[in-house]
Each structure stands twice: as structure tokens, then as C-alpha cells.
Amino acid sequence: MRDTMDKIVTSYFNAITSERFEYKGHIYIPKALIVKPSLLQPIKCILGCGACCSCFSLDYLPSEKQPNNVKARRVKLNGVNYEIISDTQVENKEHHCKYVSKEDGYSYS
């Protein structure tokens, strides 16, 4: 399983925090956040592409609406356990998220 929480914590948190933090036994030191002007350009998605929809865990906060087949799990950040709800997609052996329809782009059921 490619864990979305790993990506969020190790990439994004690192750039938006001003304090060191620990995740999965590793201490992360804040990095500079660089915002490129291209961030303000419109996104043009091509029908049927799915390039940005690879198979990662789909993670939800307990208060968010969730699809079927999700399981509660805990992630530890700075020694504190947080509950998230995840569709780990472990049964999905494809490159793309199981909700991507290769015919028309994407489709959430």
C-alpha cells in the first residue's frame, strides 16, 4: 500500500510547520516553502487521463463522509495517536485509484 499519510506528513507538513516533529521514528526539520507562480495557473484535466490518480490510500477524518469498505486506523505524530479512516486499496493491483474510470476520467460511486 502506498500510504497517503506518509506523503502528506513527510512532504507537505515539512513545508508548513515551523517546529520539528516526529513521524514513524524519524525527526523532520522544517524546510522552506517555495511557491511557484505556476500555482496560480488553471488546471486543465484531459478527459480519461487519470495521471494524478495513482493508487494511494484514501484517508478521511472521522467527521468526513466516507465510502464503503473503509477501516479505522491510527497514525502517530509527535507521540500522539490520531484516528483516521482509510480505504487502503490493498486489493487494487492497478496503477490507478480504483475509483478512476478509464473511459471518462473519474467516477466516484
N, C-alpha and C. Protein backbone atom coordinates (compact mmCIF):
# COMPACT_ATOMS: atom_id res chain seq x y z
N MET A 1 0.84 -1.19 0.00
CA MET A 1 0.00 0.00 0.00
C MET A 1 0.88 1.24 0.00
N ARG A 2 0.55 2.17 -0.84
CA ARG A 2 1.19 3.48 -0.82
C ARG A 2 0.32 4.36 0.08
N ASP A 3 0.88 4.79 1.18
CA ASP A 3 0.13 5.48 2.22
C ASP A 3 0.12 6.99 1.99
N THR A 4 -1.06 7.53 1.80
CA THR A 4 -1.21 8.97 1.60
C THR A 4 -0.71 9.76 2.80
N MET A 5 -0.92 9.23 4.00
CA MET A 5 -0.46 9.94 5.20
C MET A 5 1.06 10.11 5.19
N ASP A 6 1.79 9.12 4.71
CA ASP A 6 3.25 9.26 4.61
C ASP A 6 3.60 10.44 3.71
N LYS A 7 2.92 10.53 2.58
CA LYS A 7 3.19 11.62 1.63
C LYS A 7 2.84 12.98 2.24
N ILE A 8 1.70 13.06 2.88
CA ILE A 8 1.27 14.32 3.48
C ILE A 8 2.23 14.77 4.57
N VAL A 9 2.53 13.87 5.48
CA VAL A 9 3.37 14.23 6.63
C VAL A 9 4.80 14.53 6.22
N THR A 10 5.40 13.68 5.39
CA THR A 10 6.82 13.86 5.06
C THR A 10 7.08 14.94 4.01
N SER A 11 6.09 15.25 3.19
CA SER A 11 6.30 16.27 2.16
C SER A 11 5.65 17.60 2.51
N TYR A 12 4.36 17.57 2.80
CA TYR A 12 3.62 18.82 2.98
C TYR A 12 3.80 19.42 4.38
N PHE A 13 3.70 18.59 5.43
CA PHE A 13 3.88 19.11 6.78
C PHE A 13 5.25 19.74 6.94
N ASN A 14 6.25 19.13 6.33
CA ASN A 14 7.61 19.63 6.41
C ASN A 14 7.74 21.07 5.94
N ALA A 15 6.90 21.47 5.00
CA ALA A 15 6.99 22.81 4.42
C ALA A 15 6.08 23.82 5.12
N ILE A 16 5.12 23.37 5.92
CA ILE A 16 4.19 24.33 6.51
C ILE A 16 4.31 24.45 8.03
N THR A 17 5.24 23.71 8.62
CA THR A 17 5.41 23.81 10.05
C THR A 17 6.67 24.60 10.38
N SER A 18 6.68 25.19 11.54
CA SER A 18 7.87 25.92 11.99
C SER A 18 8.59 25.15 13.09
N GLU A 19 8.07 23.99 13.46
CA GLU A 19 8.66 23.20 14.53
C GLU A 19 9.03 21.81 14.02
N ARG A 20 10.06 21.25 14.62
CA ARG A 20 10.44 19.88 14.31
C ARG A 20 9.31 18.95 14.75
N PHE A 21 9.20 17.82 14.08
CA PHE A 21 8.20 16.84 14.50
C PHE A 21 8.72 15.44 14.22
N GLU A 22 8.10 14.46 14.88
CA GLU A 22 8.48 13.06 14.72
C GLU A 22 7.34 12.29 14.09
N TYR A 23 7.69 11.46 13.11
CA TYR A 23 6.72 10.60 12.45
C TYR A 23 7.42 9.31 12.09
N LYS A 24 6.88 8.19 12.56
CA LYS A 24 7.42 6.86 12.29
C LYS A 24 8.90 6.75 12.63
N GLY A 25 9.25 7.31 13.79
CA GLY A 25 10.61 7.18 14.30
C GLY A 25 11.64 8.10 13.67
N HIS A 26 11.21 9.01 12.83
CA HIS A 26 12.14 9.94 12.17
C HIS A 26 11.79 11.37 12.58
N ILE A 27 12.81 12.16 12.87
CA ILE A 27 12.61 13.58 13.21
C ILE A 27 12.70 14.39 11.92
N TYR A 28 11.68 15.19 11.65
CA TYR A 28 11.65 16.04 10.47
C TYR A 28 11.90 17.48 10.87
N ILE A 29 12.79 18.13 10.15
CA ILE A 29 13.14 19.53 10.41
C ILE A 29 12.47 20.36 9.32
N PRO A 30 11.80 21.45 9.71
CA PRO A 30 11.09 22.27 8.72
C PRO A 30 11.97 22.71 7.56
N LYS A 31 11.38 22.74 6.38
CA LYS A 31 12.05 23.20 5.17
C LYS A 31 11.36 24.47 4.68
N ALA A 32 12.05 25.20 3.85
CA ALA A 32 11.46 26.41 3.28
C ALA A 32 10.36 26.04 2.29
N LEU A 33 9.29 26.81 2.32
CA LEU A 33 8.20 26.62 1.38
C LEU A 33 8.42 27.54 0.18
N ILE A 34 8.50 26.95 -0.98
CA ILE A 34 8.69 27.72 -2.22
C ILE A 34 7.42 27.58 -3.04
N VAL A 35 6.77 28.70 -3.33
CA VAL A 35 5.55 28.70 -4.11
C VAL A 35 5.89 29.25 -5.50
N LYS A 36 5.66 28.42 -6.49
CA LYS A 36 5.96 28.82 -7.87
C LYS A 36 4.77 29.57 -8.46
N PRO A 37 5.02 30.54 -9.34
CA PRO A 37 3.93 31.28 -9.98
C PRO A 37 2.96 30.37 -10.73
N SER A 38 3.41 29.22 -11.19
CA SER A 38 2.53 28.32 -11.93
C SER A 38 1.39 27.79 -11.06
N LEU A 39 1.49 27.94 -9.74
CA LEU A 39 0.41 27.52 -8.85
C LEU A 39 -0.90 28.24 -9.18
N LEU A 40 -0.81 29.45 -9.68
CA LEU A 40 -1.99 30.26 -9.98
C LEU A 40 -2.57 29.99 -11.37
N GLN A 41 -1.91 29.16 -12.15
CA GLN A 41 -2.42 28.85 -13.48
C GLN A 41 -3.55 27.84 -13.37
N PRO A 42 -4.53 27.94 -14.25
CA PRO A 42 -5.64 26.98 -14.21
C PRO A 42 -5.17 25.57 -14.54
N ILE A 43 -5.83 24.59 -13.96
CA ILE A 43 -5.53 23.19 -14.23
C ILE A 43 -6.43 22.73 -15.36
N LYS A 44 -5.84 22.10 -16.34
CA LYS A 44 -6.61 21.60 -17.48
C LYS A 44 -6.52 20.08 -17.49
N CYS A 45 -7.56 19.44 -16.99
CA CYS A 45 -7.59 17.98 -16.96
C CYS A 45 -8.14 17.46 -18.28
N ILE A 46 -7.46 16.47 -18.81
CA ILE A 46 -7.86 15.85 -20.07
C ILE A 46 -8.77 14.66 -19.74
N LEU A 47 -9.91 14.60 -20.39
CA LEU A 47 -10.86 13.53 -20.17
C LEU A 47 -10.20 12.16 -20.33
N GLY A 48 -10.37 11.31 -19.33
CA GLY A 48 -9.83 9.96 -19.37
C GLY A 48 -8.37 9.85 -18.98
N CYS A 49 -7.73 10.92 -18.53
CA CYS A 49 -6.29 10.90 -18.22
C CYS A 49 -5.99 10.08 -16.98
N GLY A 50 -6.37 10.56 -15.80
CA GLY A 50 -6.12 9.86 -14.54
C GLY A 50 -4.67 9.87 -14.09
N ALA A 51 -3.82 10.68 -14.68
CA ALA A 51 -2.39 10.69 -14.35
C ALA A 51 -2.12 11.03 -12.89
N CYS A 52 -2.94 11.87 -12.31
CA CYS A 52 -2.71 12.26 -10.91
C CYS A 52 -3.46 11.37 -9.94
N CYS A 53 -4.07 10.31 -10.42
CA CYS A 53 -4.91 9.46 -9.58
C CYS A 53 -4.30 8.08 -9.41
N SER A 54 -3.04 8.01 -8.96
CA SER A 54 -2.44 6.70 -8.74
C SER A 54 -2.99 6.08 -7.47
N CYS A 55 -2.67 4.84 -7.25
CA CYS A 55 -3.26 4.05 -6.17
C CYS A 55 -2.57 4.34 -4.83
N PHE A 56 -3.12 5.24 -4.07
CA PHE A 56 -2.70 5.56 -2.71
C PHE A 56 -3.86 5.23 -1.78
N SER A 57 -3.59 5.22 -0.48
CA SER A 57 -4.70 5.08 0.47
C SER A 57 -5.58 6.32 0.35
N LEU A 58 -6.86 6.13 0.56
CA LEU A 58 -7.82 7.24 0.57
C LEU A 58 -8.16 7.45 2.04
N ASP A 59 -7.75 8.58 2.59
CA ASP A 59 -7.84 8.81 4.03
C ASP A 59 -8.85 9.90 4.36
N TYR A 60 -9.60 9.66 5.43
CA TYR A 60 -10.67 10.57 5.84
C TYR A 60 -10.57 10.83 7.34
N LEU A 61 -10.97 12.01 7.75
CA LEU A 61 -11.13 12.29 9.17
C LEU A 61 -12.43 11.62 9.61
N PRO A 62 -12.53 11.26 10.89
CA PRO A 62 -13.76 10.61 11.35
C PRO A 62 -15.03 11.42 11.08
N SER A 63 -14.92 12.74 11.00
CA SER A 63 -16.09 13.58 10.78
C SER A 63 -16.48 13.71 9.31
N GLU A 64 -15.66 13.21 8.39
CA GLU A 64 -15.95 13.33 6.95
C GLU A 64 -16.80 12.18 6.44
N LYS A 65 -17.55 12.47 5.38
CA LYS A 65 -18.32 11.43 4.70
C LYS A 65 -17.32 10.47 4.05
N GLN A 66 -17.59 9.16 4.18
CA GLN A 66 -16.66 8.15 3.68
C GLN A 66 -17.40 7.14 2.80
N PRO A 67 -16.68 6.56 1.84
CA PRO A 67 -17.29 5.49 1.05
C PRO A 67 -17.35 4.21 1.87
N ASN A 68 -17.94 3.16 1.31
CA ASN A 68 -17.96 1.85 1.96
C ASN A 68 -16.56 1.25 1.97
N ASN A 69 -16.40 0.17 2.72
CA ASN A 69 -15.14 -0.57 2.77
C ASN A 69 -13.96 0.23 3.32
N VAL A 70 -14.20 1.02 4.33
CA VAL A 70 -13.12 1.75 4.98
C VAL A 70 -12.88 1.17 6.37
N LYS A 71 -11.69 1.41 6.89
CA LYS A 71 -11.33 0.90 8.21
C LYS A 71 -10.66 2.00 9.01
N ALA A 72 -10.94 2.02 10.32
CA ALA A 72 -10.28 2.97 11.20
C ALA A 72 -8.84 2.51 11.43
N ARG A 73 -7.94 3.46 11.48
CA ARG A 73 -6.55 3.17 11.84
C ARG A 73 -5.98 4.38 12.57
N ARG A 74 -4.85 4.19 13.16
CA ARG A 74 -4.23 5.27 13.92
C ARG A 74 -2.88 5.61 13.29
N VAL A 75 -2.59 6.90 13.27
CA VAL A 75 -1.26 7.37 12.88
C VAL A 75 -0.70 8.14 14.06
N LYS A 76 0.60 8.00 14.28
CA LYS A 76 1.24 8.65 15.41
C LYS A 76 2.09 9.80 14.90
N LEU A 77 1.87 10.97 15.45
CA LEU A 77 2.62 12.16 15.10
C LEU A 77 3.04 12.82 16.41
N ASN A 78 4.33 13.00 16.61
CA ASN A 78 4.88 13.55 17.86
C ASN A 78 4.40 12.77 19.08
N GLY A 79 4.31 11.46 18.93
CA GLY A 79 3.93 10.61 20.05
C GLY A 79 2.45 10.57 20.36
N VAL A 80 1.64 11.26 19.58
CA VAL A 80 0.19 11.30 19.81
C VAL A 80 -0.49 10.48 18.70
N ASN A 81 -1.40 9.59 19.10
CA ASN A 81 -2.16 8.80 18.13
C ASN A 81 -3.38 9.58 17.66
N TYR A 82 -3.57 9.59 16.34
CA TYR A 82 -4.74 10.22 15.73
C TYR A 82 -5.49 9.16 14.94
N GLU A 83 -6.80 9.20 15.02
CA GLU A 83 -7.59 8.26 14.25
C GLU A 83 -7.92 8.84 12.89
N ILE A 84 -7.71 8.03 11.86
CA ILE A 84 -8.16 8.36 10.52
C ILE A 84 -8.91 7.15 9.99
N ILE A 85 -9.72 7.37 9.01
CA ILE A 85 -10.48 6.30 8.37
C ILE A 85 -9.89 6.12 6.98
N SER A 86 -9.56 4.89 6.61
CA SER A 86 -8.84 4.67 5.35
C SER A 86 -9.44 3.57 4.50
N ASP A 87 -9.44 3.83 3.21
CA ASP A 87 -9.63 2.80 2.21
C ASP A 87 -8.22 2.57 1.69
N THR A 88 -7.58 1.51 2.13
CA THR A 88 -6.17 1.28 1.81
C THR A 88 -5.94 0.78 0.39
N GLN A 89 -6.98 0.36 -0.27
CA GLN A 89 -6.91 -0.15 -1.64
C GLN A 89 -5.92 -1.31 -1.79
N VAL A 90 -5.71 -2.08 -0.72
CA VAL A 90 -4.75 -3.19 -0.80
C VAL A 90 -5.15 -4.24 -1.83
N GLU A 91 -6.44 -4.35 -2.11
CA GLU A 91 -6.89 -5.32 -3.11
C GLU A 91 -6.68 -4.82 -4.53
N ASN A 92 -6.42 -3.54 -4.70
CA ASN A 92 -6.26 -2.93 -6.02
C ASN A 92 -4.83 -3.13 -6.50
N LYS A 93 -4.64 -3.89 -7.54
CA LYS A 93 -3.30 -4.15 -8.09
C LYS A 93 -3.00 -3.28 -9.30
N GLU A 94 -3.90 -2.37 -9.61
CA GLU A 94 -3.73 -1.46 -10.75
C GLU A 94 -2.88 -0.26 -10.35
N HIS A 95 -2.39 0.46 -11.33
CA HIS A 95 -1.63 1.69 -11.09
C HIS A 95 -2.54 2.83 -10.60
N HIS A 96 -3.77 2.86 -11.13
CA HIS A 96 -4.69 3.95 -10.82
C HIS A 96 -5.59 3.61 -9.63
N CYS A 97 -6.09 4.65 -8.98
CA CYS A 97 -7.08 4.51 -7.92
C CYS A 97 -8.27 3.71 -8.44
N LYS A 98 -8.87 2.92 -7.57
CA LYS A 98 -9.98 2.08 -8.01
C LYS A 98 -11.21 2.87 -8.43
N TYR A 99 -11.27 4.14 -8.09
CA TYR A 99 -12.41 4.97 -8.47
C TYR A 99 -12.23 5.67 -9.81
N VAL A 100 -11.07 5.53 -10.42
CA VAL A 100 -10.84 6.15 -11.74
C VAL A 100 -11.49 5.29 -12.80
N SER A 101 -12.32 5.93 -13.61
CA SER A 101 -12.89 5.26 -14.77
C SER A 101 -12.03 5.61 -15.96
N LYS A 102 -11.42 4.63 -16.56
CA LYS A 102 -10.51 4.89 -17.67
C LYS A 102 -11.25 5.33 -18.94
N GLU A 103 -12.57 5.17 -18.93
CA GLU A 103 -13.34 5.59 -20.10
C GLU A 103 -13.64 7.08 -20.09
N ASP A 104 -13.99 7.63 -18.93
CA ASP A 104 -14.43 9.03 -18.92
C ASP A 104 -13.74 9.88 -17.85
N GLY A 105 -12.58 9.49 -17.39
CA GLY A 105 -11.87 10.31 -16.40
C GLY A 105 -11.99 9.72 -15.03
N TYR A 106 -12.94 10.16 -14.25
CA TYR A 106 -13.10 9.61 -12.91
C TYR A 106 -14.56 9.49 -12.56
N SER A 107 -14.84 8.62 -11.63
CA SER A 107 -16.22 8.40 -11.23
C SER A 107 -16.24 7.89 -9.80
N TYR A 108 -16.79 8.65 -8.89
CA TYR A 108 -16.94 8.21 -7.50
C TYR A 108 -18.30 7.60 -7.33
N SER A 109 -18.34 6.37 -6.82
CA SER A 109 -19.62 5.71 -6.60
C SER A 109 -20.06 5.85 -5.16
